[in-house]
Amino acid sequence: MTELSCPLARSMVSDYIDGELPPDQARALEEHLETCPYCPPLYASLVETLAELKALDDVSGVDQLVRRVLAALDEPPGPDDPLRRRA
């Protein structure tokens, strides 16, 4: 496989993390990540985010968060809310 462009490498990161890339593509992405000054922070951020999501194994905590977000969405906007509809 030839050298990857950043957009192509970024499009492959999710499949790489999931272990779904063929070995030659995985090696090409690894080589890109070793030499690219731009893509490794994106990769690291995705890996960190996935680790944090996996750490949320307390379903009741997630359920509470979802309920709070939904309740906040049901509340009418306050006078200082930037998303308040203008009449």
PDB file of N, CA and C in Angstrom:
ATOM      1  N   MET A   1       0.854  -1.181   0.000  1.00  0.00           N
ATOM      2  CA  MET A   1       0.000   0.000   0.000  1.00  0.00           C
ATOM      3  C   MET A   1       0.899   1.243   0.000  1.00  0.00           C
ATOM      4  N   THR A   2       0.504   2.252  -0.725  1.00  0.00           N
ATOM      5  CA  THR A   2       1.276   3.488  -0.800  1.00  0.00           C
ATOM      6  C   THR A   2       1.057   4.330   0.442  1.00  0.00           C
ATOM      7  N   GLU A   3       1.835   5.397   0.560  1.00  0.00           N
ATOM      8  CA  GLU A   3       1.716   6.289   1.703  1.00  0.00           C
ATOM      9  C   GLU A   3       0.313   6.880   1.769  1.00  0.00           C
ATOM     10  N   LEU A   4      -0.225   6.946   2.970  1.00  0.00           N
ATOM     11  CA  LEU A   4      -1.588   7.432   3.151  1.00  0.00           C
ATOM     12  C   LEU A   4      -1.624   8.950   3.264  1.00  0.00           C
ATOM     13  N   SER A   5      -2.677   9.537   2.731  1.00  0.00           N
ATOM     14  CA  SER A   5      -2.942  10.960   2.967  1.00  0.00           C
ATOM     15  C   SER A   5      -3.624  11.070   4.325  1.00  0.00           C
ATOM     16  N   CYS A   6      -3.584  12.246   4.916  1.00  0.00           N
ATOM     17  CA  CYS A   6      -4.248  12.442   6.211  1.00  0.00           C
ATOM     18  C   CYS A   6      -5.748  12.139   6.144  1.00  0.00           C
ATOM     19  N   PRO A   7      -6.482  12.640   5.145  1.00  0.00           N
ATOM     20  CA  PRO A   7      -7.918  12.320   5.109  1.00  0.00           C
ATOM     21  C   PRO A   7      -8.191  10.815   5.019  1.00  0.00           C
ATOM     22  N   LEU A   8      -7.385  10.100   4.237  1.00  0.00           N
ATOM     23  CA  LEU A   8      -7.586   8.656   4.132  1.00  0.00           C
ATOM     24  C   LEU A   8      -7.240   7.978   5.453  1.00  0.00           C
ATOM     25  N   ALA A   9      -6.141   8.393   6.066  1.00  0.00           N
ATOM     26  CA  ALA A   9      -5.747   7.806   7.351  1.00  0.00           C
ATOM     27  C   ALA A   9      -6.831   8.035   8.388  1.00  0.00           C
ATOM     28  N   ARG A  10      -7.363   9.239   8.446  1.00  0.00           N
ATOM     29  CA  ARG A  10      -8.403   9.558   9.438  1.00  0.00           C
ATOM     30  C   ARG A  10      -9.667   8.741   9.195  1.00  0.00           C
ATOM     31  N   SER A  11      -9.954   8.452   7.942  1.00  0.00           N
ATOM     32  CA  SER A  11     -11.149   7.655   7.643  1.00  0.00           C
ATOM     33  C   SER A  11     -10.981   6.190   8.055  1.00  0.00           C
ATOM     34  N   MET A  12      -9.726   5.775   8.282  1.00  0.00           N
ATOM     35  CA  MET A  12      -9.442   4.387   8.640  1.00  0.00           C
ATOM     36  C   MET A  12      -9.311   4.166  10.146  1.00  0.00           C
ATOM     37  N   VAL A  13      -9.200   5.235  10.913  1.00  0.00           N
ATOM     38  CA  VAL A  13      -8.888   5.115  12.335  1.00  0.00           C
ATOM     39  C   VAL A  13      -9.944   4.313  13.095  1.00  0.00           C
ATOM     40  N   SER A  14     -11.202   4.560  12.856  1.00  0.00           N
ATOM     41  CA  SER A  14     -12.258   3.854  13.587  1.00  0.00           C
ATOM     42  C   SER A  14     -12.183   2.348  13.333  1.00  0.00           C
ATOM     43  N   ASP A  15     -12.028   1.968  12.075  1.00  0.00           N
ATOM     44  CA  ASP A  15     -11.910   0.539  11.757  1.00  0.00           C
ATOM     45  C   ASP A  15     -10.652  -0.057  12.379  1.00  0.00           C
ATOM     46  N   TYR A  16      -9.573   0.723  12.430  1.00  0.00           N
ATOM     47  CA  TYR A  16      -8.332   0.258  13.047  1.00  0.00           C
ATOM     48  C   TYR A  16      -8.551  -0.012  14.531  1.00  0.00           C
ATOM     49  N   ILE A  17      -9.176   0.935  15.213  1.00  0.00           N
ATOM     50  CA  ILE A  17      -9.437   0.774  16.644  1.00  0.00           C
ATOM     51  C   ILE A  17     -10.315  -0.447  16.895  1.00  0.00           C
ATOM     52  N   ASP A  18     -11.256  -0.697  16.004  1.00  0.00           N
ATOM     53  CA  ASP A  18     -12.163  -1.842  16.148  1.00  0.00           C
ATOM     54  C   ASP A  18     -11.535  -3.155  15.687  1.00  0.00           C
ATOM     55  N   GLY A  19     -10.298  -3.092  15.168  1.00  0.00           N
ATOM     56  CA  GLY A  19      -9.622  -4.298  14.690  1.00  0.00           C
ATOM     57  C   GLY A  19     -10.189  -4.829  13.395  1.00  0.00           C
ATOM     58  N   GLU A  20     -10.783  -3.954  12.590  1.00  0.00           N
ATOM     59  CA  GLU A  20     -11.460  -4.377  11.365  1.00  0.00           C
ATOM     60  C   GLU A  20     -10.682  -4.071  10.087  1.00  0.00           C
ATOM     61  N   LEU A  21      -9.459  -3.536  10.211  1.00  0.00           N
ATOM     62  CA  LEU A  21      -8.668  -3.252   9.014  1.00  0.00           C
ATOM     63  C   LEU A  21      -7.862  -4.485   8.620  1.00  0.00           C
ATOM     64  N   PRO A  22      -7.753  -4.745   7.334  1.00  0.00           N
ATOM     65  CA  PRO A  22      -6.855  -5.807   6.883  1.00  0.00           C
ATOM     66  C   PRO A  22      -5.422  -5.483   7.331  1.00  0.00           C
ATOM     67  N   PRO A  23      -4.590  -6.492   7.549  1.00  0.00           N
ATOM     68  CA  PRO A  23      -3.239  -6.265   8.072  1.00  0.00           C
ATOM     69  C   PRO A  23      -2.410  -5.254   7.277  1.00  0.00           C
ATOM     70  N   ASP A  24      -2.488  -5.268   5.949  1.00  0.00           N
ATOM     71  CA  ASP A  24      -1.686  -4.327   5.164  1.00  0.00           C
ATOM     72  C   ASP A  24      -2.144  -2.884   5.376  1.00  0.00           C
ATOM     73  N   GLN A  25      -3.453  -2.679   5.497  1.00  0.00           N
ATOM     74  CA  GLN A  25      -3.965  -1.342   5.751  1.00  0.00           C
ATOM     75  C   GLN A  25      -3.640  -0.891   7.179  1.00  0.00           C
ATOM     76  N   ALA A  26      -3.692  -1.824   8.124  1.00  0.00           N
ATOM     77  CA  ALA A  26      -3.355  -1.489   9.512  1.00  0.00           C
ATOM     78  C   ALA A  26      -1.893  -1.055   9.592  1.00  0.00           C
ATOM     79  N   ARG A  27      -1.003  -1.770   8.906  1.00  0.00           N
ATOM     80  CA  ARG A  27       0.417  -1.389   8.900  1.00  0.00           C
ATOM     81  C   ARG A  27       0.617  -0.027   8.268  1.00  0.00           C
ATOM     82  N   ALA A  28      -0.088   0.236   7.168  1.00  0.00           N
ATOM     83  CA  ALA A  28       0.034   1.535   6.498  1.00  0.00           C
ATOM     84  C   ALA A  28      -0.431   2.657   7.425  1.00  0.00           C
ATOM     85  N   LEU A  29      -1.512   2.433   8.146  1.00  0.00           N
ATOM     86  CA  LEU A  29      -2.004   3.443   9.078  1.00  0.00           C
ATOM     87  C   LEU A  29      -1.018   3.644  10.222  1.00  0.00           C
ATOM     88  N   GLU A  30      -0.473   2.558  10.756  1.00  0.00           N
ATOM     89  CA  GLU A  30       0.518   2.665  11.830  1.00  0.00           C
ATOM     90  C   GLU A  30       1.736   3.470  11.370  1.00  0.00           C
ATOM     91  N   GLU A  31       2.187   3.211  10.153  1.00  0.00           N
ATOM     92  CA  GLU A  31       3.322   3.966   9.608  1.00  0.00           C
ATOM     93  C   GLU A  31       2.973   5.440   9.472  1.00  0.00           C
ATOM     94  N   HIS A  32       1.763   5.723   9.026  1.00  0.00           N
ATOM     95  CA  HIS A  32       1.325   7.108   8.888  1.00  0.00           C
ATOM     96  C   HIS A  32       1.318   7.788  10.259  1.00  0.00           C
ATOM     97  N   LEU A  33       0.771   7.104  11.257  1.00  0.00           N
ATOM     98  CA  LEU A  33       0.691   7.682  12.594  1.00  0.00           C
ATOM     99  C   LEU A  33       2.073   7.914  13.202  1.00  0.00           C
ATOM    100  N   GLU A  34       3.066   7.121  12.798  1.00  0.00           N
ATOM    101  CA  GLU A  34       4.431   7.291  13.304  1.00  0.00           C
ATOM    102  C   GLU A  34       5.123   8.517  12.710  1.00  0.00           C
ATOM    103  N   THR A  35       4.705   8.933  11.522  1.00  0.00           N
ATOM    104  CA  THR A  35       5.417  10.012  10.835  1.00  0.00           C
ATOM    105  C   THR A  35       4.619  11.301  10.685  1.00  0.00           C
ATOM    106  N   CYS A  36       3.317  11.247  10.828  1.00  0.00           N
ATOM    107  CA  CYS A  36       2.470  12.417  10.604  1.00  0.00           C
ATOM    108  C   CYS A  36       2.452  13.324  11.836  1.00  0.00           C
ATOM    109  N   PRO A  37       2.625  14.611  11.651  1.00  0.00           N
ATOM    110  CA  PRO A  37       2.557  15.514  12.802  1.00  0.00           C
ATOM    111  C   PRO A  37       1.117  15.882  13.195  1.00  0.00           C
ATOM    112  N   TYR A  38       0.142  15.537  12.374  1.00  0.00           N
ATOM    113  CA  TYR A  38      -1.229  15.992  12.598  1.00  0.00           C
ATOM    114  C   TYR A  38      -2.186  14.902  13.094  1.00  0.00           C
ATOM    115  N   CYS A  39      -2.079  13.700  12.602  1.00  0.00           N
ATOM    116  CA  CYS A  39      -3.071  12.663  12.890  1.00  0.00           C
ATOM    117  C   CYS A  39      -2.951  11.989  14.262  1.00  0.00           C
ATOM    118  N   PRO A  40      -1.764  11.833  14.838  1.00  0.00           N
ATOM    119  CA  PRO A  40      -1.692  11.149  16.141  1.00  0.00           C
ATOM    120  C   PRO A  40      -2.540  11.770  17.245  1.00  0.00           C
ATOM    121  N   PRO A  41      -2.661  13.102  17.347  1.00  0.00           N
ATOM    122  CA  PRO A  41      -3.533  13.630  18.395  1.00  0.00           C
ATOM    123  C   PRO A  41      -5.000  13.200  18.219  1.00  0.00           C
ATOM    124  N   LEU A  42      -5.464  13.126  16.984  1.00  0.00           N
ATOM    125  CA  LEU A  42      -6.829  12.656  16.733  1.00  0.00           C
ATOM    126  C   LEU A  42      -6.971  11.214  17.188  1.00  0.00           C
ATOM    127  N   TYR A  43      -6.017  10.381  16.801  1.00  0.00           N
ATOM    128  CA  TYR A  43      -6.049   8.974  17.182  1.00  0.00           C
ATOM    129  C   TYR A  43      -6.043   8.838  18.704  1.00  0.00           C
ATOM    130  N   ALA A  44      -5.144   9.551  19.371  1.00  0.00           N
ATOM    131  CA  ALA A  44      -5.047   9.478  20.828  1.00  0.00           C
ATOM    132  C   ALA A  44      -6.349   9.932  21.488  1.00  0.00           C
ATOM    133  N   SER A  45      -6.955  10.966  20.945  1.00  0.00           N
ATOM    134  CA  SER A  45      -8.209  11.474  21.490  1.00  0.00           C
ATOM    135  C   SER A  45      -9.319  10.431  21.363  1.00  0.00           C
ATOM    136  N   LEU A  46      -9.388   9.765  20.228  1.00  0.00           N
ATOM    137  CA  LEU A  46     -10.417   8.736  20.044  1.00  0.00           C
ATOM    138  C   LEU A  46     -10.199   7.562  20.983  1.00  0.00           C
ATOM    139  N   VAL A  47      -8.950   7.137  21.142  1.00  0.00           N
ATOM    140  CA  VAL A  47      -8.648   6.027  22.046  1.00  0.00           C
ATOM    141  C   VAL A  47      -9.016   6.406  23.479  1.00  0.00           C
ATOM    142  N   GLU A  48      -8.689   7.620  23.885  1.00  0.00           N
ATOM    143  CA  GLU A  48      -9.006   8.086  25.237  1.00  0.00           C
ATOM    144  C   GLU A  48     -10.521   8.167  25.452  1.00  0.00           C
ATOM    145  N   THR A  49     -11.239   8.685  24.466  1.00  0.00           N
ATOM    146  CA  THR A  49     -12.696   8.794  24.571  1.00  0.00           C
ATOM    147  C   THR A  49     -13.331   7.413  24.690  1.00  0.00           C
ATOM    148  N   LEU A  50     -12.865   6.468  23.895  1.00  0.00           N
ATOM    149  CA  LEU A  50     -13.409   5.112  23.972  1.00  0.00           C
ATOM    150  C   LEU A  50     -13.130   4.487  25.330  1.00  0.00           C
ATOM    151  N   ALA A  51     -11.943   4.714  25.872  1.00  0.00           N
ATOM    152  CA  ALA A  51     -11.611   4.176  27.193  1.00  0.00           C
ATOM    153  C   ALA A  51     -12.526   4.765  28.253  1.00  0.00           C
ATOM    154  N   GLU A  52     -12.791   6.057  28.159  1.00  0.00           N
ATOM    155  CA  GLU A  52     -13.678   6.696  29.125  1.00  0.00           C
ATOM    156  C   GLU A  52     -15.106   6.166  28.999  1.00  0.00           C
ATOM    157  N   LEU A  53     -15.558   5.945  27.783  1.00  0.00           N
ATOM    158  CA  LEU A  53     -16.905   5.402  27.597  1.00  0.00           C
ATOM    159  C   LEU A  53     -17.008   3.983  28.143  1.00  0.00           C
ATOM    160  N   LYS A  54     -15.963   3.193  27.942  1.00  0.00           N
ATOM    161  CA  LYS A  54     -15.979   1.822  28.464  1.00  0.00           C
ATOM    162  C   LYS A  54     -15.949   1.817  29.988  1.00  0.00           C
ATOM    163  N   ALA A  55     -15.379   2.855  30.573  1.00  0.00           N
ATOM    164  CA  ALA A  55     -15.320   2.952  32.031  1.00  0.00           C
ATOM    165  C   ALA A  55     -16.686   3.275  32.631  1.00  0.00           C
ATOM    166  N   LEU A  56     -17.610   3.725  31.806  1.00  0.00           N
ATOM    167  CA  LEU A  56     -18.957   4.040  32.286  1.00  0.00           C
ATOM    168  C   LEU A  56     -19.796   2.761  32.362  1.00  0.00           C
ATOM    169  N   ASP A  57     -19.301   1.801  33.137  1.00  0.00           N
ATOM    170  CA  ASP A  57     -20.021   0.537  33.211  1.00  0.00           C
ATOM    171  C   ASP A  57     -21.161   0.576  34.212  1.00  0.00           C
ATOM    172  N   ASP A  58     -21.298   1.689  34.919  1.00  0.00           N
ATOM    173  CA  ASP A  58     -22.415   1.853  35.847  1.00  0.00           C
ATOM    174  C   ASP A  58     -23.611   2.363  35.058  1.00  0.00           C
ATOM    175  N   VAL A  59     -24.472   1.451  34.640  1.00  0.00           N
ATOM    176  CA  VAL A  59     -25.601   1.805  33.787  1.00  0.00           C
ATOM    177  C   VAL A  59     -26.533   2.794  34.473  1.00  0.00           C
ATOM    178  N   SER A  60     -26.685   2.668  35.775  1.00  0.00           N
ATOM    179  CA  SER A  60     -27.586   3.592  36.463  1.00  0.00           C
ATOM    180  C   SER A  60     -27.056   5.017  36.365  1.00  0.00           C
ATOM    181  N   GLY A  61     -25.735   5.203  36.411  1.00  0.00           N
ATOM    182  CA  GLY A  61     -25.160   6.537  36.258  1.00  0.00           C
ATOM    183  C   GLY A  61     -25.415   7.095  34.873  1.00  0.00           C
ATOM    184  N   VAL A  62     -25.302   6.263  33.868  1.00  0.00           N
ATOM    185  CA  VAL A  62     -25.571   6.694  32.496  1.00  0.00           C
ATOM    186  C   VAL A  62     -27.050   7.018  32.345  1.00  0.00           C
ATOM    187  N   ASP A  63     -27.907   6.176  32.912  1.00  0.00           N
ATOM    188  CA  ASP A  63     -29.344   6.425  32.842  1.00  0.00           C
ATOM    189  C   ASP A  63     -29.699   7.757  33.497  1.00  0.00           C
ATOM    190  N   GLN A  64     -29.072   8.038  34.633  1.00  0.00           N
ATOM    191  CA  GLN A  64     -29.334   9.307  35.305  1.00  0.00           C
ATOM    192  C   GLN A  64     -28.893  10.477  34.437  1.00  0.00           C
ATOM    193  N   LEU A  65     -27.743  10.356  33.803  1.00  0.00           N
ATOM    194  CA  LEU A  65     -27.258  11.420  32.932  1.00  0.00           C
ATOM    195  C   LEU A  65     -28.217  11.645  31.772  1.00  0.00           C
ATOM    196  N   VAL A  66     -28.675  10.576  31.153  1.00  0.00           N
ATOM    197  CA  VAL A  66     -29.609  10.688  30.032  1.00  0.00           C
ATOM    198  C   VAL A  66     -30.894  11.361  30.491  1.00  0.00           C
ATOM    199  N   ARG A  67     -31.411  10.975  31.651  1.00  0.00           N
ATOM    200  CA  ARG A  67     -32.643  11.596  32.170  1.00  0.00           C
ATOM    201  C   ARG A  67     -32.437  13.092  32.415  1.00  0.00           C
ATOM    202  N   ARG A  68     -31.278  13.472  32.969  1.00  0.00           N
ATOM    203  CA  ARG A  68     -31.008  14.885  33.230  1.00  0.00           C
ATOM    204  C   ARG A  68     -30.927  15.681  31.931  1.00  0.00           C
ATOM    205  N   VAL A  69     -30.273  15.112  30.924  1.00  0.00           N
ATOM    206  CA  VAL A  69     -30.167  15.809  29.642  1.00  0.00           C
ATOM    207  C   VAL A  69     -31.543  15.968  29.008  1.00  0.00           C
ATOM    208  N   LEU A  70     -32.339  14.913  29.026  1.00  0.00           N
ATOM    209  CA  LEU A  70     -33.677  14.992  28.444  1.00  0.00           C
ATOM    210  C   LEU A  70     -34.549  15.986  29.194  1.00  0.00           C
ATOM    211  N   ALA A  71     -34.416  16.011  30.512  1.00  0.00           N
ATOM    212  CA  ALA A  71     -35.190  16.970  31.303  1.00  0.00           C
ATOM    213  C   ALA A  71     -34.776  18.395  30.967  1.00  0.00           C
ATOM    214  N   ALA A  72     -33.484  18.611  30.792  1.00  0.00           N
ATOM    215  CA  ALA A  72     -33.003  19.951  30.443  1.00  0.00           C
ATOM    216  C   ALA A  72     -33.512  20.367  29.072  1.00  0.00           C
ATOM    217  N   LEU A  73     -33.646  19.427  28.169  1.00  0.00           N
ATOM    218  CA  LEU A  73     -34.146  19.750  26.829  1.00  0.00           C
ATOM    219  C   LEU A  73     -35.624  20.118  26.864  1.00  0.00           C
ATOM    220  N   ASP A  74     -36.350  19.591  27.843  1.00  0.00           N
ATOM    221  CA  ASP A  74     -37.777  19.890  27.960  1.00  0.00           C
ATOM    222  C   ASP A  74     -38.051  21.230  28.622  1.00  0.00           C
ATOM    223  N   GLU A  75     -37.049  21.781  29.316  1.00  0.00           N
ATOM    224  CA  GLU A  75     -37.242  23.054  30.009  1.00  0.00           C
ATOM    225  C   GLU A  75     -37.313  24.197  29.000  1.00  0.00           C
ATOM    226  N   PRO A  76     -38.201  25.163  29.235  1.00  0.00           N
ATOM    227  CA  PRO A  76     -38.252  26.320  28.330  1.00  0.00           C
ATOM    228  C   PRO A  76     -36.968  27.135  28.489  1.00  0.00           C
ATOM    229  N   PRO A  77     -36.498  27.754  27.419  1.00  0.00           N
ATOM    230  CA  PRO A  77     -35.265  28.539  27.502  1.00  0.00           C
ATOM    231  C   PRO A  77     -35.447  29.754  28.406  1.00  0.00           C
ATOM    232  N   GLY A  78     -34.399  30.083  29.146  1.00  0.00           N
ATOM    233  CA  GLY A  78     -34.418  31.260  30.001  1.00  0.00           C
ATOM    234  C   GLY A  78     -34.156  32.506  29.176  1.00  0.00           C
ATOM    235  N   PRO A  79     -34.278  33.677  29.770  1.00  0.00           N
ATOM    236  CA  PRO A  79     -34.097  34.935  29.029  1.00  0.00           C
ATOM    237  C   PRO A  79     -32.684  35.120  28.479  1.00  0.00           C
ATOM    238  N   ASP A  80     -31.703  34.494  29.110  1.00  0.00           N
ATOM    239  CA  ASP A  80     -30.319  34.637  28.654  1.00  0.00           C
ATOM    240  C   ASP A  80     -29.857  33.476  27.791  1.00  0.00           C
ATOM    241  N   ASP A  81     -30.735  32.548  27.482  1.00  0.00           N
ATOM    242  CA  ASP A  81     -30.370  31.376  26.691  1.00  0.00           C
ATOM    243  C   ASP A  81     -30.080  31.791  25.253  1.00  0.00           C
ATOM    244  N   PRO A  82     -28.851  31.511  24.740  1.00  0.00           N
ATOM    245  CA  PRO A  82     -28.512  31.926  23.384  1.00  0.00           C
ATOM    246  C   PRO A  82     -29.331  31.218  22.309  1.00  0.00           C
ATOM    247  N   LEU A  83     -29.944  30.097  22.688  1.00  0.00           N
ATOM    248  CA  LEU A  83     -30.745  29.361  21.707  1.00  0.00           C
ATOM    249  C   LEU A  83     -32.223  29.729  21.781  1.00  0.00           C
ATOM    250  N   ARG A  84     -32.544  30.696  22.608  1.00  0.00           N
ATOM    251  CA  ARG A  84     -33.930  31.119  22.762  1.00  0.00           C
ATOM    252  C   ARG A  84     -34.468  31.664  21.443  1.00  0.00           C
ATOM    253  N   ARG A  85     -35.657  31.239  21.125  1.00  0.00           N
ATOM    254  CA  ARG A  85     -36.270  31.714  19.875  1.00  0.00           C
ATOM    255  C   ARG A  85     -36.610  33.178  19.997  1.00  0.00           C
ATOM    256  N   ARG A  86     -36.347  33.871  18.950  1.00  0.00           N
ATOM    257  CA  ARG A  86     -36.679  35.296  18.941  1.00  0.00           C
ATOM    258  C   ARG A  86     -38.086  35.470  18.371  1.00  0.00           C
ATOM    259  N   ALA A  87     -38.856  36.279  19.044  1.00  0.00           N
ATOM    260  CA  ALA A  87     -40.253  36.486  18.620  1.00  0.00           C
ATOM    261  C   ALA A  87     -40.335  37.583  17.593  1.00  0.00           C
TER     262      ALA A  87
END
